[in-house]
Each structure stands twice: as C-alpha cells, then as structure tokens.
C-alpha atoms as a PDB file:
ATOM      1  CA  UNK A   1      33.126  32.610 -12.170  1.00  0.00           C
ATOM      2  CA  UNK A   2      31.329  29.507 -11.093  1.00  0.00           C
ATOM      3  CA  UNK A   3      30.681  26.855 -13.674  1.00  0.00           C
ATOM      4  CA  UNK A   4      27.305  25.399 -12.876  1.00  0.00           C
ATOM      5  CA  UNK A   5      24.149  24.515 -14.782  1.00  0.00           C
ATOM      6  CA  UNK A   6      21.227  24.734 -12.355  1.00  0.00           C
ATOM      7  CA  UNK A   7      17.631  23.672 -12.962  1.00  0.00           C
ATOM      8  CA  UNK A   8      16.600  27.318 -13.506  1.00  0.00           C
ATOM      9  CA  UNK A   9      18.730  27.416 -16.675  1.00  0.00           C
ATOM     10  CA  UNK A  10      17.127  24.309 -18.181  1.00  0.00           C
ATOM     11  CA  UNK A  11      14.273  24.800 -20.599  1.00  0.00           C
ATOM     12  CA  UNK A  12      11.287  22.738 -19.475  1.00  0.00           C
ATOM     13  CA  UNK A  13       8.213  24.743 -20.538  1.00  0.00           C
ATOM     14  CA  UNK A  14       6.374  22.944 -23.349  1.00  0.00           C
ATOM     15  CA  UNK A  15       4.845  26.208 -24.568  1.00  0.00           C
ATOM     16  CA  UNK A  16       8.260  27.895 -24.781  1.00  0.00           C
ATOM     17  CA  UNK A  17       9.788  24.876 -26.510  1.00  0.00           C
ATOM     18  CA  UNK A  18       7.078  24.922 -29.189  1.00  0.00           C
ATOM     19  CA  UNK A  19       7.574  28.671 -29.677  1.00  0.00           C
ATOM     20  CA  UNK A  20      11.336  28.185 -29.931  1.00  0.00           C
ATOM     21  CA  UNK A  21      11.095  25.540 -32.659  1.00  0.00           C
ATOM     22  CA  UNK A  22       8.399  27.366 -34.629  1.00  0.00           C
ATOM     23  CA  UNK A  23       9.572  31.000 -34.386  1.00  0.00           C
ATOM     24  CA  UNK A  24      13.229  30.702 -33.395  1.00  0.00           C
ATOM     25  CA  UNK A  25      16.213  31.413 -35.584  1.00  0.00           C
ATOM     26  CA  UNK A  26      18.410  28.516 -36.690  1.00  0.00           C
ATOM     27  CA  UNK A  27      22.170  28.057 -36.913  1.00  0.00           C
ATOM     28  CA  UNK A  28      23.882  24.913 -38.155  1.00  0.00           C
ATOM     29  CA  UNK A  29      27.408  23.752 -37.477  1.00  0.00           C
ATOM     30  CA  UNK A  30      28.051  20.028 -37.635  1.00  0.00           C
ATOM     31  CA  UNK A  31      27.259  18.167 -35.332  1.00  0.00           C
ATOM     32  CA  UNK A  32      24.727  20.704 -33.989  1.00  0.00           C
ATOM     33  CA  UNK A  33      21.604  22.464 -35.114  1.00  0.00           C
ATOM     34  CA  UNK A  34      20.892  25.361 -32.798  1.00  0.00           C
ATOM     35  CA  UNK A  35      17.547  27.121 -32.393  1.00  0.00           C
ATOM     36  CA  UNK A  36      17.441  30.386 -30.445  1.00  0.00           C
ATOM     37  CA  UNK A  37      15.157  33.276 -29.600  1.00  0.00           C
ATOM     38  CA  UNK A  38      17.017  36.591 -29.356  1.00  0.00           C
ATOM     39  CA  UNK A  39      16.376  38.714 -26.295  1.00  0.00           C
ATOM     40  CA  UNK A  40      14.418  41.922 -26.813  1.00  0.00           C
ATOM     41  CA  UNK A  41      16.904  43.646 -24.515  1.00  0.00           C
ATOM     42  CA  UNK A  42      20.224  42.102 -23.391  1.00  0.00           C
ATOM     43  CA  UNK A  43      20.142  41.068 -19.743  1.00  0.00           C
ATOM     44  CA  UNK A  44      22.308  39.573 -17.030  1.00  0.00           C
ATOM     45  CA  UNK A  45      20.034  36.515 -16.770  1.00  0.00           C
ATOM     46  CA  UNK A  46      21.539  33.457 -18.520  1.00  0.00           C
ATOM     47  CA  UNK A  47      19.377  31.853 -21.225  1.00  0.00           C
ATOM     48  CA  UNK A  48      17.436  28.672 -20.676  1.00  0.00           C
ATOM     49  CA  UNK A  49      18.734  25.705 -22.669  1.00  0.00           C
ATOM     50  CA  UNK A  50      17.419  22.450 -24.025  1.00  0.00           C
ATOM     51  CA  UNK A  51      19.687  19.640 -25.217  1.00  0.00           C
ATOM     52  CA  UNK A  52      18.237  16.933 -27.396  1.00  0.00           C
ATOM     53  CA  UNK A  53      19.547  13.847 -29.148  1.00  0.00           C
ATOM     54  CA  UNK A  54      17.098  12.136 -31.543  1.00  0.00           C
ATOM     55  CA  UNK A  55      15.996   8.621 -30.760  1.00  0.00           C
ATOM     56  CA  UNK A  56      15.773   7.903 -34.470  1.00  0.00           C
ATOM     57  CA  UNK A  57      19.577   8.102 -34.786  1.00  0.00           C
ATOM     58  CA  UNK A  58      20.573   6.715 -31.381  1.00  0.00           C
ATOM     59  CA  UNK A  59      18.233   3.925 -30.365  1.00  0.00           C
ATOM     60  CA  UNK A  60      19.764   3.193 -26.965  1.00  0.00           C
ATOM     61  CA  UNK A  61      18.956   5.568 -24.113  1.00  0.00           C
ATOM     62  CA  UNK A  62      22.433   5.005 -22.680  1.00  0.00           C
ATOM     63  CA  UNK A  63      23.993   6.475 -25.820  1.00  0.00           C
ATOM     64  CA  UNK A  64      21.578   9.420 -25.926  1.00  0.00           C
ATOM     65  CA  UNK A  65      22.245  10.212 -22.289  1.00  0.00           C
ATOM     66  CA  UNK A  66      26.018  10.009 -22.835  1.00  0.00           C
ATOM     67  CA  UNK A  67      25.828  12.521 -25.671  1.00  0.00           C
ATOM     68  CA  UNK A  68      23.557  14.865 -23.708  1.00  0.00           C
ATOM     69  CA  UNK A  69      25.970  14.753 -20.747  1.00  0.00           C
ATOM     70  CA  UNK A  70      28.840  15.678 -23.059  1.00  0.00           C
ATOM     71  CA  UNK A  71      26.822  18.543 -24.558  1.00  0.00           C
ATOM     72  CA  UNK A  72      25.821  19.891 -21.133  1.00  0.00           C
ATOM     73  CA  UNK A  73      29.388  19.731 -19.859  1.00  0.00           C
ATOM     74  CA  UNK A  74      30.735  21.543 -22.912  1.00  0.00           C
ATOM     75  CA  UNK A  75      28.092  24.252 -22.481  1.00  0.00           C
ATOM     76  CA  UNK A  76      28.693  24.533 -18.744  1.00  0.00           C
ATOM     77  CA  UNK A  77      32.371  25.301 -19.284  1.00  0.00           C
ATOM     78  CA  UNK A  78      31.812  27.668 -22.229  1.00  0.00           C
ATOM     79  CA  UNK A  79      28.647  29.491 -21.189  1.00  0.00           C
ATOM     80  CA  UNK A  80      30.467  32.827 -21.078  1.00  0.00           C
ATOM     81  CA  UNK A  81      30.727  32.747 -24.894  1.00  0.00           C
ATOM     82  CA  UNK A  82      27.027  33.643 -24.999  1.00  0.00           C
ATOM     83  CA  UNK A  83      27.800  36.988 -23.334  1.00  0.00           C
ATOM     84  CA  UNK A  84      28.541  40.105 -25.342  1.00  0.00           C
ATOM     85  CA  UNK A  85      31.344  42.595 -24.586  1.00  0.00           C
ATOM     86  CA  UNK A  86      29.329  44.175 -21.758  1.00  0.00           C
ATOM     87  CA  UNK A  87      28.760  40.798 -20.092  1.00  0.00           C
ATOM     88  CA  UNK A  88      25.076  40.648 -21.069  1.00  0.00           C
ATOM     89  CA  UNK A  89      23.252  37.725 -22.647  1.00  0.00           C
ATOM     90  CA  UNK A  90      21.619  38.466 -26.016  1.00  0.00           C
ATOM     91  CA  UNK A  91      19.443  35.329 -26.204  1.00  0.00           C
ATOM     92  CA  UNK A  92      16.592  34.143 -23.992  1.00  0.00           C
ATOM     93  CA  UNK A  93      16.110  30.521 -25.064  1.00  0.00           C
ATOM     94  CA  UNK A  94      18.340  28.014 -26.845  1.00  0.00           C
ATOM     95  CA  UNK A  95      17.769  24.458 -28.081  1.00  0.00           C
ATOM     96  CA  UNK A  96      20.720  22.363 -29.245  1.00  0.00           C
ATOM     97  CA  UNK A  97      19.955  19.336 -31.387  1.00  0.00           C
ATOM     98  CA  UNK A  98      22.681  16.812 -32.142  1.00  0.00           C
ATOM     99  CA  UNK A  99      22.473  15.824 -35.828  1.00  0.00           C
ATOM    100  CA  UNK A 100      25.492  13.523 -36.021  1.00  0.00           C
ATOM    101  CA  UNK A 101      24.868   9.939 -37.047  1.00  0.00           C
ATOM    102  CA  UNK A 102      27.640   8.470 -34.903  1.00  0.00           C
ATOM    103  CA  UNK A 103      28.820   8.974 -31.336  1.00  0.00           C
ATOM    104  CA  UNK A 104      31.159  11.968 -31.214  1.00  0.00           C
ATOM    105  CA  UNK A 105      33.814  12.469 -28.556  1.00  0.00           C
ATOM    106  CA  UNK A 106      33.827  15.283 -26.012  1.00  0.00           C
ATOM    107  CA  UNK A 107      36.735  17.239 -27.487  1.00  0.00           C
ATOM    108  CA  UNK A 108      34.983  17.524 -30.852  1.00  0.00           C
ATOM    109  CA  UNK A 109      31.711  18.570 -29.180  1.00  0.00           C
ATOM    110  CA  UNK A 110      33.482  21.201 -27.059  1.00  0.00           C
ATOM    111  CA  UNK A 111      35.350  22.693 -30.021  1.00  0.00           C
ATOM    112  CA  UNK A 112      32.265  22.931 -32.234  1.00  0.00           C
ATOM    113  CA  UNK A 113      30.083  24.235 -29.412  1.00  0.00           C
ATOM    114  CA  UNK A 114      32.548  27.063 -28.744  1.00  0.00           C
ATOM    115  CA  UNK A 115      32.302  28.155 -32.386  1.00  0.00           C
ATOM    116  CA  UNK A 116      28.536  27.852 -32.385  1.00  0.00           C
ATOM    117  CA  UNK A 117      28.022  29.810 -29.157  1.00  0.00           C
ATOM    118  CA  UNK A 118      30.229  32.667 -30.308  1.00  0.00           C
ATOM    119  CA  UNK A 119      28.390  32.730 -33.665  1.00  0.00           C
ATOM    120  CA  UNK A 120      25.065  32.863 -31.818  1.00  0.00           C
ATOM    121  CA  UNK A 121      26.224  35.834 -29.773  1.00  0.00           C
ATOM    122  CA  UNK A 122      27.289  37.702 -32.906  1.00  0.00           C
ATOM    123  CA  UNK A 123      24.018  37.082 -34.733  1.00  0.00           C
ATOM    124  CA  UNK A 124      21.730  37.679 -31.767  1.00  0.00           C
ATOM    125  CA  UNK A 125      23.662  40.793 -30.808  1.00  0.00           C
ATOM    126  CA  UNK A 126      22.569  42.496 -34.010  1.00  0.00           C
ATOM    127  CA  UNK A 127      19.207  43.402 -32.534  1.00  0.00           C
ATOM    128  CA  UNK A 128      17.493  46.673 -33.310  1.00  0.00           C
ATOM    129  CA  UNK A 129      17.069  49.129 -30.470  1.00  0.00           C
ATOM    130  CA  UNK A 130      13.562  50.415 -29.936  1.00  0.00           C
ATOM    131  CA  UNK A 131      13.522  54.141 -29.284  1.00  0.00           C
ATOM    132  CA  UNK A 132      11.318  55.425 -26.509  1.00  0.00           C
ATOM    133  CA  UNK A 133       8.399  57.490 -27.699  1.00  0.00           C
END
C-alpha cells in the first residue's frame, strides 16, 4: 500500500464543492466537521477531498497552512479507513472543515480523524441497493 495524496484525489471543482456543502451529509467530531456525498455504488476509486481551515478563526496564512498540512498528512496515512470490508470506497466526495479555535497538534488530529473516517464509512455504507428492472 502506497501512502500518497495525488492531485487527482483533491477536490477542486467549484460546482462539486457547492453541491457537497448544500446536499452533502454532515458528521461532527471535534475538531472536525465533515461533509460527504455517499457513492451510489461502492467503487475502487478513492474519494476526492477538500481540507479547509477558516480564516475567521486563524488570521495568519502560515497557521492555516500548518493545520491543513497536518490534516492532509493524517488523512494520507489513514485513507484505508474509508474502505469497507471488501476494500471499496463508499463515498465520492469529502470536505473536512477544522472548527477548533486554537492550533491543535498532529497527534490529536490523527486520532480524531481516524474515528471520523471510520464513522463515515459506517454511515455511508448503509446505502440502499437499487434492484435492476
């Protein structure tokens, strides 16, 4: 298993981002608020992610970038938690928003992200199968 986070797995489409925030499902586990769109059918393609840290809470870009780097690294190492038992991904798009009011260290971010990713897999995995007509 290679632990990488290429450009193809980063969510950049403005249209998709708007759809994700308006129609996506929400999970909250301090210090994260996670928006996701469940996949219609589980696939082997990893979901596209967006990491965001609000400028309202962290005025300096250096601090925001530090927190986003920590979030990306924690995700990169724990991406397999988004897979179900068959090794398929049950979500298509994910946005992680940091809601903490202070700078949090990497170990705390990694621990909470692991819980949040496994929770996302459980909730998104409860999709309804569409029978063929």
